[in-house]
Amino acid sequence: MARRLWPSKTAINLSSRAEISKRAAELWLEGRTEPGADALVNLLRSDVGFELLQQIMQGSGTRWWTEFETGVHLAELNEKHEFLRKQIEALKGRMK
């Protein structure tokens, strides 16, 4: 996931968000070490936290995750709907 998110300077981006050394991030990327709990918490609290959580929970099928993910999707759709509603109203206002 880290390489997909940050194709260049992957270790630096990962280390800054996980609050670990660049070398520790390089070892993770090489598969030589595993991330610790503190680093995972830091990643989950970062700007990529939700994407990481989705990756971790993929295929879990647990009820709480399904409901949570559905709620997030509904919130996103409501936000888009409101944006489009405002655009429609603005266009209607120009027709008068």
PDB file of N, CA and C in Angstrom:
ATOM      1  N   MET A   1       0.828  -1.182   0.000  1.00  0.00           N
ATOM      2  CA  MET A   1       0.000   0.000   0.000  1.00  0.00           C
ATOM      3  C   MET A   1       0.875   1.250   0.000  1.00  0.00           C
ATOM      4  N   ALA A   2       1.949   1.244   0.775  1.00  0.00           N
ATOM      5  CA  ALA A   2       2.821   2.419   0.866  1.00  0.00           C
ATOM      6  C   ALA A   2       3.424   2.756  -0.493  1.00  0.00           C
ATOM      7  N   ARG A   3       3.840   1.751  -1.230  1.00  0.00           N
ATOM      8  CA  ARG A   3       4.438   2.003  -2.546  1.00  0.00           C
ATOM      9  C   ARG A   3       3.414   2.561  -3.525  1.00  0.00           C
ATOM     10  N   ARG A   4       2.173   2.144  -3.387  1.00  0.00           N
ATOM     11  CA  ARG A   4       1.119   2.666  -4.254  1.00  0.00           C
ATOM     12  C   ARG A   4       0.811   4.126  -3.903  1.00  0.00           C
ATOM     13  N   LEU A   5       0.759   4.422  -2.598  1.00  0.00           N
ATOM     14  CA  LEU A   5       0.460   5.787  -2.166  1.00  0.00           C
ATOM     15  C   LEU A   5       1.586   6.761  -2.488  1.00  0.00           C
ATOM     16  N   TRP A   6       2.816   6.309  -2.285  1.00  0.00           N
ATOM     17  CA  TRP A   6       3.983   7.172  -2.470  1.00  0.00           C
ATOM     18  C   TRP A   6       5.006   6.452  -3.340  1.00  0.00           C
ATOM     19  N   PRO A   7       4.818   6.445  -4.645  1.00  0.00           N
ATOM     20  CA  PRO A   7       5.742   5.722  -5.525  1.00  0.00           C
ATOM     21  C   PRO A   7       7.182   6.246  -5.456  1.00  0.00           C
ATOM     22  N   SER A   8       7.353   7.509  -5.147  1.00  0.00           N
ATOM     23  CA  SER A   8       8.709   8.020  -4.943  1.00  0.00           C
ATOM     24  C   SER A   8       8.830   8.456  -3.482  1.00  0.00           C
ATOM     25  N   LYS A   9      10.010   8.275  -2.935  1.00  0.00           N
ATOM     26  CA  LYS A   9      10.285   8.611  -1.535  1.00  0.00           C
ATOM     27  C   LYS A   9       9.344   7.871  -0.579  1.00  0.00           C
ATOM     28  N   THR A  10       9.113   6.611  -0.886  1.00  0.00           N
ATOM     29  CA  THR A  10       8.194   5.790  -0.102  1.00  0.00           C
ATOM     30  C   THR A  10       8.604   5.709   1.360  1.00  0.00           C
ATOM     31  N   ALA A  11       9.848   5.397   1.618  1.00  0.00           N
ATOM     32  CA  ALA A  11      10.311   5.227   3.001  1.00  0.00           C
ATOM     33  C   ALA A  11      10.188   6.513   3.800  1.00  0.00           C
ATOM     34  N   ILE A  12      10.505   7.635   3.181  1.00  0.00           N
ATOM     35  CA  ILE A  12      10.412   8.929   3.877  1.00  0.00           C
ATOM     36  C   ILE A  12       8.963   9.243   4.224  1.00  0.00           C
ATOM     37  N   ASN A  13       8.059   9.044   3.270  1.00  0.00           N
ATOM     38  CA  ASN A  13       6.639   9.299   3.528  1.00  0.00           C
ATOM     39  C   ASN A  13       6.101   8.376   4.608  1.00  0.00           C
ATOM     40  N   LEU A  14       6.464   7.121   4.532  1.00  0.00           N
ATOM     41  CA  LEU A  14       6.012   6.149   5.519  1.00  0.00           C
ATOM     42  C   LEU A  14       6.571   6.481   6.899  1.00  0.00           C
ATOM     43  N   SER A  15       7.843   6.794   6.963  1.00  0.00           N
ATOM     44  CA  SER A  15       8.475   7.077   8.254  1.00  0.00           C
ATOM     45  C   SER A  15       7.897   8.321   8.910  1.00  0.00           C
ATOM     46  N   SER A  16       7.600   9.342   8.123  1.00  0.00           N
ATOM     47  CA  SER A  16       7.061  10.569   8.717  1.00  0.00           C
ATOM     48  C   SER A  16       5.664  10.344   9.285  1.00  0.00           C
ATOM     49  N   ARG A  17       4.854   9.546   8.633  1.00  0.00           N
ATOM     50  CA  ARG A  17       3.493   9.297   9.118  1.00  0.00           C
ATOM     51  C   ARG A  17       3.469   8.297  10.273  1.00  0.00           C
ATOM     52  N   ALA A  18       4.344   7.317  10.231  1.00  0.00           N
ATOM     53  CA  ALA A  18       4.395   6.299  11.289  1.00  0.00           C
ATOM     54  C   ALA A  18       5.226   6.767  12.478  1.00  0.00           C
ATOM     55  N   GLU A  19       5.938   7.883  12.278  1.00  0.00           N
ATOM     56  CA  GLU A  19       6.812   8.445  13.313  1.00  0.00           C
ATOM     57  C   GLU A  19       7.901   7.452  13.723  1.00  0.00           C
ATOM     58  N   ILE A  20       8.555   6.925  12.692  1.00  0.00           N
ATOM     59  CA  ILE A  20       9.676   6.002  12.874  1.00  0.00           C
ATOM     60  C   ILE A  20      10.844   6.499  12.030  1.00  0.00           C
ATOM     61  N   SER A  21      11.990   5.875  12.183  1.00  0.00           N
ATOM     62  CA  SER A  21      13.150   6.273  11.383  1.00  0.00           C
ATOM     63  C   SER A  21      12.972   5.822   9.931  1.00  0.00           C
ATOM     64  N   LYS A  22      13.694   6.507   9.059  1.00  0.00           N
ATOM     65  CA  LYS A  22      13.663   6.119   7.646  1.00  0.00           C
ATOM     66  C   LYS A  22      14.166   4.686   7.491  1.00  0.00           C
ATOM     67  N   ARG A  23      15.185   4.319   8.258  1.00  0.00           N
ATOM     68  CA  ARG A  23      15.736   2.958   8.175  1.00  0.00           C
ATOM     69  C   ARG A  23      14.696   1.922   8.579  1.00  0.00           C
ATOM     70  N   ALA A  24      13.939   2.198   9.643  1.00  0.00           N
ATOM     71  CA  ALA A  24      12.884   1.265  10.071  1.00  0.00           C
ATOM     72  C   ALA A  24      11.842   1.110   8.970  1.00  0.00           C
ATOM     73  N   ALA A  25      11.503   2.204   8.309  1.00  0.00           N
ATOM     74  CA  ALA A  25      10.537   2.134   7.204  1.00  0.00           C
ATOM     75  C   ALA A  25      11.099   1.312   6.052  1.00  0.00           C
ATOM     76  N   GLU A  26      12.367   1.478   5.767  1.00  0.00           N
ATOM     77  CA  GLU A  26      13.005   0.689   4.703  1.00  0.00           C
ATOM     78  C   GLU A  26      12.966  -0.800   5.027  1.00  0.00           C
ATOM     79  N   LEU A  27      13.199  -1.145   6.279  1.00  0.00           N
ATOM     80  CA  LEU A  27      13.148  -2.552   6.687  1.00  0.00           C
ATOM     81  C   LEU A  27      11.737  -3.122   6.534  1.00  0.00           C
ATOM     82  N   TRP A  28      10.713  -2.330   6.851  1.00  0.00           N
ATOM     83  CA  TRP A  28       9.331  -2.772   6.636  1.00  0.00           C
ATOM     84  C   TRP A  28       9.105  -3.062   5.164  1.00  0.00           C
ATOM     85  N   LEU A  29       9.509  -2.093   4.336  1.00  0.00           N
ATOM     86  CA  LEU A  29       9.280  -2.218   2.894  1.00  0.00           C
ATOM     87  C   LEU A  29      10.003  -3.417   2.303  1.00  0.00           C
ATOM     88  N   GLU A  30      11.132  -3.773   2.883  1.00  0.00           N
ATOM     89  CA  GLU A  30      11.879  -4.952   2.431  1.00  0.00           C
ATOM     90  C   GLU A  30      11.296  -6.245   2.983  1.00  0.00           C
ATOM     91  N   GLY A  31      10.350  -6.133   3.927  1.00  0.00           N
ATOM     92  CA  GLY A  31       9.756  -7.311   4.538  1.00  0.00           C
ATOM     93  C   GLY A  31      10.627  -7.940   5.602  1.00  0.00           C
ATOM     94  N   ARG A  32      11.617  -7.217   6.069  1.00  0.00           N
ATOM     95  CA  ARG A  32      12.541  -7.761   7.072  1.00  0.00           C
ATOM     96  C   ARG A  32      12.051  -7.558   8.492  1.00  0.00           C
ATOM     97  N   THR A  33      11.159  -6.590   8.708  1.00  0.00           N
ATOM     98  CA  THR A  33      10.565  -6.362  10.024  1.00  0.00           C
ATOM     99  C   THR A  33       9.082  -6.088   9.865  1.00  0.00           C
ATOM    100  N   GLU A  34       8.371  -6.140  10.970  1.00  0.00           N
ATOM    101  CA  GLU A  34       6.937  -5.849  11.007  1.00  0.00           C
ATOM    102  C   GLU A  34       6.725  -4.542  11.761  1.00  0.00           C
ATOM    103  N   PRO A  35       5.699  -3.790  11.404  1.00  0.00           N
ATOM    104  CA  PRO A  35       5.441  -2.547  12.135  1.00  0.00           C
ATOM    105  C   PRO A  35       4.963  -2.831  13.557  1.00  0.00           C
ATOM    106  N   GLY A  36       5.381  -1.997  14.489  1.00  0.00           N
ATOM    107  CA  GLY A  36       4.910  -2.112  15.860  1.00  0.00           C
ATOM    108  C   GLY A  36       3.550  -1.464  16.027  1.00  0.00           C
ATOM    109  N   ALA A  37       2.925  -1.713  17.153  1.00  0.00           N
ATOM    110  CA  ALA A  37       1.579  -1.180  17.414  1.00  0.00           C
ATOM    111  C   ALA A  37       1.560   0.347  17.406  1.00  0.00           C
ATOM    112  N   ASP A  38       2.574   0.976  18.012  1.00  0.00           N
ATOM    113  CA  ASP A  38       2.615   2.439  18.047  1.00  0.00           C
ATOM    114  C   ASP A  38       2.684   3.025  16.638  1.00  0.00           C
ATOM    115  N   ALA A  39       3.483   2.412  15.783  1.00  0.00           N
ATOM    116  CA  ALA A  39       3.613   2.894  14.413  1.00  0.00           C
ATOM    117  C   ALA A  39       2.302   2.727  13.651  1.00  0.00           C
ATOM    118  N   LEU A  40       1.618   1.601  13.857  1.00  0.00           N
ATOM    119  CA  LEU A  40       0.322   1.398  13.196  1.00  0.00           C
ATOM    120  C   LEU A  40      -0.702   2.418  13.673  1.00  0.00           C
ATOM    121  N   VAL A  41      -0.704   2.697  14.963  1.00  0.00           N
ATOM    122  CA  VAL A  41      -1.619   3.718  15.496  1.00  0.00           C
ATOM    123  C   VAL A  41      -1.323   5.060  14.841  1.00  0.00           C
ATOM    124  N   ASN A  42      -0.049   5.413  14.744  1.00  0.00           N
ATOM    125  CA  ASN A  42       0.321   6.678  14.102  1.00  0.00           C
ATOM    126  C   ASN A  42      -0.137   6.724  12.652  1.00  0.00           C
ATOM    127  N   LEU A  43       0.005   5.622  11.940  1.00  0.00           N
ATOM    128  CA  LEU A  43      -0.458   5.568  10.552  1.00  0.00           C
ATOM    129  C   LEU A  43      -1.976   5.707  10.465  1.00  0.00           C
ATOM    130  N   LEU A  44      -2.681   5.027  11.371  1.00  0.00           N
ATOM    131  CA  LEU A  44      -4.142   5.119  11.367  1.00  0.00           C
ATOM    132  C   LEU A  44      -4.621   6.535  11.676  1.00  0.00           C
ATOM    133  N   ARG A  45      -3.843   7.276  12.439  1.00  0.00           N
ATOM    134  CA  ARG A  45      -4.202   8.655  12.782  1.00  0.00           C
ATOM    135  C   ARG A  45      -3.725   9.661  11.745  1.00  0.00           C
ATOM    136  N   SER A  46      -3.060   9.202  10.707  1.00  0.00           N
ATOM    137  CA  SER A  46      -2.509  10.090   9.682  1.00  0.00           C
ATOM    138  C   SER A  46      -3.539  10.350   8.580  1.00  0.00           C
ATOM    139  N   ASP A  47      -3.101  11.087   7.579  1.00  0.00           N
ATOM    140  CA  ASP A  47      -3.961  11.411   6.442  1.00  0.00           C
ATOM    141  C   ASP A  47      -4.340  10.187   5.607  1.00  0.00           C
ATOM    142  N   VAL A  48      -3.657   9.077   5.791  1.00  0.00           N
ATOM    143  CA  VAL A  48      -3.976   7.851   5.048  1.00  0.00           C
ATOM    144  C   VAL A  48      -4.614   6.788   5.950  1.00  0.00           C
ATOM    145  N   GLY A  49      -5.032   7.212   7.131  1.00  0.00           N
ATOM    146  CA  GLY A  49      -5.558   6.274   8.113  1.00  0.00           C
ATOM    147  C   GLY A  49      -6.750   5.468   7.651  1.00  0.00           C
ATOM    148  N   PHE A  50      -7.712   6.138   7.041  1.00  0.00           N
ATOM    149  CA  PHE A  50      -8.909   5.406   6.619  1.00  0.00           C
ATOM    150  C   PHE A  50      -8.583   4.413   5.516  1.00  0.00           C
ATOM    151  N   GLU A  51      -7.719   4.803   4.600  1.00  0.00           N
ATOM    152  CA  GLU A  51      -7.319   3.879   3.530  1.00  0.00           C
ATOM    153  C   GLU A  51      -6.587   2.669   4.099  1.00  0.00           C
ATOM    154  N   LEU A  52      -5.746   2.900   5.094  1.00  0.00           N
ATOM    155  CA  LEU A  52      -5.051   1.796   5.756  1.00  0.00           C
ATOM    156  C   LEU A  52      -6.046   0.879   6.456  1.00  0.00           C
ATOM    157  N   LEU A  53      -6.991   1.463   7.152  1.00  0.00           N
ATOM    158  CA  LEU A  53      -8.007   0.662   7.842  1.00  0.00           C
ATOM    159  C   LEU A  53      -8.814  -0.171   6.853  1.00  0.00           C
ATOM    160  N   GLN A  54      -9.156   0.416   5.720  1.00  0.00           N
ATOM    161  CA  GLN A  54      -9.868  -0.341   4.691  1.00  0.00           C
ATOM    162  C   GLN A  54      -9.042  -1.527   4.220  1.00  0.00           C
ATOM    163  N   GLN A  55      -7.752  -1.304   4.039  1.00  0.00           N
ATOM    164  CA  GLN A  55      -6.861  -2.386   3.601  1.00  0.00           C
ATOM    165  C   GLN A  55      -6.807  -3.499   4.650  1.00  0.00           C
ATOM    166  N   ILE A  56      -6.684  -3.107   5.905  1.00  0.00           N
ATOM    167  CA  ILE A  56      -6.595  -4.085   6.992  1.00  0.00           C
ATOM    168  C   ILE A  56      -7.893  -4.884   7.104  1.00  0.00           C
ATOM    169  N   MET A  57      -9.024  -4.207   6.972  1.00  0.00           N
ATOM    170  CA  MET A  57     -10.328  -4.837   7.201  1.00  0.00           C
ATOM    171  C   MET A  57     -10.908  -5.511   5.957  1.00  0.00           C
ATOM    172  N   GLN A  58     -10.247  -5.377   4.822  1.00  0.00           N
ATOM    173  CA  GLN A  58     -10.759  -5.943   3.575  1.00  0.00           C
ATOM    174  C   GLN A  58     -11.083  -7.425   3.737  1.00  0.00           C
ATOM    175  N   GLY A  59     -12.310  -7.778   3.392  1.00  0.00           N
ATOM    176  CA  GLY A  59     -12.738  -9.164   3.442  1.00  0.00           C
ATOM    177  C   GLY A  59     -13.097  -9.682   4.820  1.00  0.00           C
ATOM    178  N   SER A  60     -13.087  -8.815   5.835  1.00  0.00           N
ATOM    179  CA  SER A  60     -13.361  -9.301   7.196  1.00  0.00           C
ATOM    180  C   SER A  60     -14.827  -9.715   7.366  1.00  0.00           C
ATOM    181  N   GLY A  61     -15.733  -8.980   6.735  1.00  0.00           N
ATOM    182  CA  GLY A  61     -17.150  -9.314   6.831  1.00  0.00           C
ATOM    183  C   GLY A  61     -17.776  -9.064   8.190  1.00  0.00           C
ATOM    184  N   THR A  62     -17.051  -8.439   9.113  1.00  0.00           N
ATOM    185  CA  THR A  62     -17.629  -8.173  10.428  1.00  0.00           C
ATOM    186  C   THR A  62     -18.723  -7.127  10.312  1.00  0.00           C
ATOM    187  N   ARG A  63     -19.738  -7.290  11.135  1.00  0.00           N
ATOM    188  CA  ARG A  63     -20.909  -6.410  11.065  1.00  0.00           C
ATOM    189  C   ARG A  63     -20.544  -4.955  11.342  1.00  0.00           C
ATOM    190  N   TRP A  64     -19.745  -4.711  12.382  1.00  0.00           N
ATOM    191  CA  TRP A  64     -19.432  -3.326  12.726  1.00  0.00           C
ATOM    192  C   TRP A  64     -18.687  -2.635  11.599  1.00  0.00           C
ATOM    193  N   TRP A  65     -17.783  -3.375  10.909  1.00  0.00           N
ATOM    194  CA  TRP A  65     -17.032  -2.759   9.825  1.00  0.00           C
ATOM    195  C   TRP A  65     -17.935  -2.474   8.633  1.00  0.00           C
ATOM    196  N   THR A  66     -18.789  -3.411   8.304  1.00  0.00           N
ATOM    197  CA  THR A  66     -19.718  -3.219   7.188  1.00  0.00           C
ATOM    198  C   THR A  66     -20.602  -2.005   7.438  1.00  0.00           C
ATOM    199  N   GLU A  67     -21.136  -1.883   8.660  1.00  0.00           N
ATOM    200  CA  GLU A  67     -21.985  -0.743   8.994  1.00  0.00           C
ATOM    201  C   GLU A  67     -21.192   0.566   8.980  1.00  0.00           C
ATOM    202  N   PHE A  68     -19.985   0.535   9.500  1.00  0.00           N
ATOM    203  CA  PHE A  68     -19.152   1.729   9.514  1.00  0.00           C
ATOM    204  C   PHE A  68     -18.819   2.177   8.095  1.00  0.00           C
ATOM    205  N   GLU A  69     -18.375   1.247   7.269  1.00  0.00           N
ATOM    206  CA  GLU A  69     -18.009   1.564   5.894  1.00  0.00           C
ATOM    207  C   GLU A  69     -19.222   2.086   5.116  1.00  0.00           C
ATOM    208  N   THR A  70     -20.385   1.495   5.354  1.00  0.00           N
ATOM    209  CA  THR A  70     -21.611   1.973   4.717  1.00  0.00           C
ATOM    210  C   THR A  70     -21.930   3.395   5.169  1.00  0.00           C
ATOM    211  N   GLY A  71     -21.763   3.673   6.449  1.00  0.00           N
ATOM    212  CA  GLY A  71     -22.000   5.015   6.970  1.00  0.00           C
ATOM    213  C   GLY A  71     -21.074   6.049   6.347  1.00  0.00           C
ATOM    214  N   VAL A  72     -19.821   5.690   6.178  1.00  0.00           N
ATOM    215  CA  VAL A  72     -18.852   6.593   5.541  1.00  0.00           C
ATOM    216  C   VAL A  72     -19.251   6.841   4.089  1.00  0.00           C
ATOM    217  N   HIS A  73     -19.641   5.779   3.401  1.00  0.00           N
ATOM    218  CA  HIS A  73     -20.053   5.912   1.999  1.00  0.00           C
ATOM    219  C   HIS A  73     -21.296   6.800   1.890  1.00  0.00           C
ATOM    220  N   LEU A  74     -22.259   6.610   2.782  1.00  0.00           N
ATOM    221  CA  LEU A  74     -23.456   7.453   2.777  1.00  0.00           C
ATOM    222  C   LEU A  74     -23.113   8.919   3.024  1.00  0.00           C
ATOM    223  N   ALA A  75     -22.213   9.178   3.960  1.00  0.00           N
ATOM    224  CA  ALA A  75     -21.796  10.549   4.245  1.00  0.00           C
ATOM    225  C   ALA A  75     -21.140  11.185   3.017  1.00  0.00           C
ATOM    226  N   GLU A  76     -20.313  10.422   2.327  1.00  0.00           N
ATOM    227  CA  GLU A  76     -19.668  10.932   1.111  1.00  0.00           C
ATOM    228  C   GLU A  76     -20.698  11.252   0.041  1.00  0.00           C
ATOM    229  N   LEU A  77     -21.672  10.357  -0.135  1.00  0.00           N
ATOM    230  CA  LEU A  77     -22.713  10.589  -1.133  1.00  0.00           C
ATOM    231  C   LEU A  77     -23.576  11.792  -0.765  1.00  0.00           C
ATOM    232  N   ASN A  78     -23.897  11.951   0.520  1.00  0.00           N
ATOM    233  CA  ASN A  78     -24.669  13.112   0.957  1.00  0.00           C
ATOM    234  C   ASN A  78     -23.915  14.409   0.689  1.00  0.00           C
ATOM    235  N   GLU A  79     -22.605  14.387   0.895  1.00  0.00           N
ATOM    236  CA  GLU A  79     -21.784  15.564   0.632  1.00  0.00           C
ATOM    237  C   GLU A  79     -21.798  15.915  -0.853  1.00  0.00           C
ATOM    238  N   LYS A  80     -21.667  14.896  -1.700  1.00  0.00           N
ATOM    239  CA  LYS A  80     -21.724  15.117  -3.146  1.00  0.00           C
ATOM    240  C   LYS A  80     -23.105  15.622  -3.559  1.00  0.00           C
ATOM    241  N   HIS A  81     -24.138  15.027  -2.974  1.00  0.00           N
ATOM    242  CA  HIS A  81     -25.511  15.427  -3.280  1.00  0.00           C
ATOM    243  C   HIS A  81     -25.729  16.902  -2.937  1.00  0.00           C
ATOM    244  N   GLU A  82     -25.258  17.329  -1.793  1.00  0.00           N
ATOM    245  CA  GLU A  82     -25.409  18.717  -1.376  1.00  0.00           C
ATOM    246  C   GLU A  82     -24.647  19.656  -2.323  1.00  0.00           C
ATOM    247  N   PHE A  83     -23.460  19.273  -2.733  1.00  0.00           N
ATOM    248  CA  PHE A  83     -22.668  20.063  -3.669  1.00  0.00           C
ATOM    249  C   PHE A  83     -23.432  20.218  -4.986  1.00  0.00           C
ATOM    250  N   LEU A  84     -23.966  19.106  -5.502  1.00  0.00           N
ATOM    251  CA  LEU A  84     -24.720  19.151  -6.760  1.00  0.00           C
ATOM    252  C   LEU A  84     -26.008  19.948  -6.616  1.00  0.00           C
ATOM    253  N   ARG A  85     -26.679  19.831  -5.465  1.00  0.00           N
ATOM    254  CA  ARG A  85     -27.908  20.598  -5.236  1.00  0.00           C
ATOM    255  C   ARG A  85     -27.626  22.088  -5.314  1.00  0.00           C
ATOM    256  N   LYS A  86     -26.511  22.517  -4.709  1.00  0.00           N
ATOM    257  CA  LYS A  86     -26.149  23.933  -4.743  1.00  0.00           C
ATOM    258  C   LYS A  86     -25.824  24.385  -6.161  1.00  0.00           C
ATOM    259  N   GLN A  87     -25.171  23.543  -6.940  1.00  0.00           N
ATOM    260  CA  GLN A  87     -24.874  23.887  -8.329  1.00  0.00           C
ATOM    261  C   GLN A  87     -26.153  24.020  -9.142  1.00  0.00           C
ATOM    262  N   ILE A  88     -27.082  23.100  -8.923  1.00  0.00           N
ATOM    263  CA  ILE A  88     -28.371  23.146  -9.642  1.00  0.00           C
ATOM    264  C   ILE A  88     -29.124  24.432  -9.292  1.00  0.00           C
ATOM    265  N   GLU A  89     -29.175  24.763  -8.016  1.00  0.00           N
ATOM    266  CA  GLU A  89     -29.868  25.990  -7.587  1.00  0.00           C
ATOM    267  C   GLU A  89     -29.221  27.225  -8.202  1.00  0.00           C
ATOM    268  N   ALA A  90     -27.887  27.246  -8.265  1.00  0.00           N
ATOM    269  CA  ALA A  90     -27.187  28.389  -8.861  1.00  0.00           C
ATOM    270  C   ALA A  90     -27.520  28.524 -10.342  1.00  0.00           C
ATOM    271  N   LEU A  91     -27.565  27.398 -11.043  1.00  0.00           N
ATOM    272  CA  LEU A  91     -27.913  27.431 -12.472  1.00  0.00           C
ATOM    273  C   LEU A  91     -29.350  27.864 -12.679  1.00  0.00           C
ATOM    274  N   LYS A  92     -30.251  27.399 -11.849  1.00  0.00           N
ATOM    275  CA  LYS A  92     -31.660  27.814 -11.951  1.00  0.00           C
ATOM    276  C   LYS A  92     -31.781  29.301 -11.719  1.00  0.00           C
ATOM    277  N   GLY A  93     -30.983  29.823 -10.788  1.00  0.00           N
ATOM    278  CA  GLY A  93     -31.005  31.252 -10.492  1.00  0.00           C
ATOM    279  C   GLY A  93     -30.549  32.081 -11.686  1.00  0.00           C
ATOM    280  N   ARG A  94     -29.645  31.558 -12.477  1.00  0.00           N
ATOM    281  CA  ARG A  94     -29.168  32.268 -13.668  1.00  0.00           C
ATOM    282  C   ARG A  94     -30.196  32.275 -14.783  1.00  0.00           C
ATOM    283  N   MET A  95     -31.144  31.332 -14.747  1.00  0.00           N
ATOM    284  CA  MET A  95     -32.158  31.237 -15.810  1.00  0.00           C
ATOM    285  C   MET A  95     -33.285  32.236 -15.607  1.00  0.00           C
ATOM    286  N   LYS A  96     -33.415  32.771 -14.441  1.00  0.00           N
ATOM    287  CA  LYS A  96     -34.532  33.688 -14.144  1.00  0.00           C
ATOM    288  C   LYS A  96     -34.279  35.064 -14.670  1.00  0.00           C
TER     289      LYS A  96
END
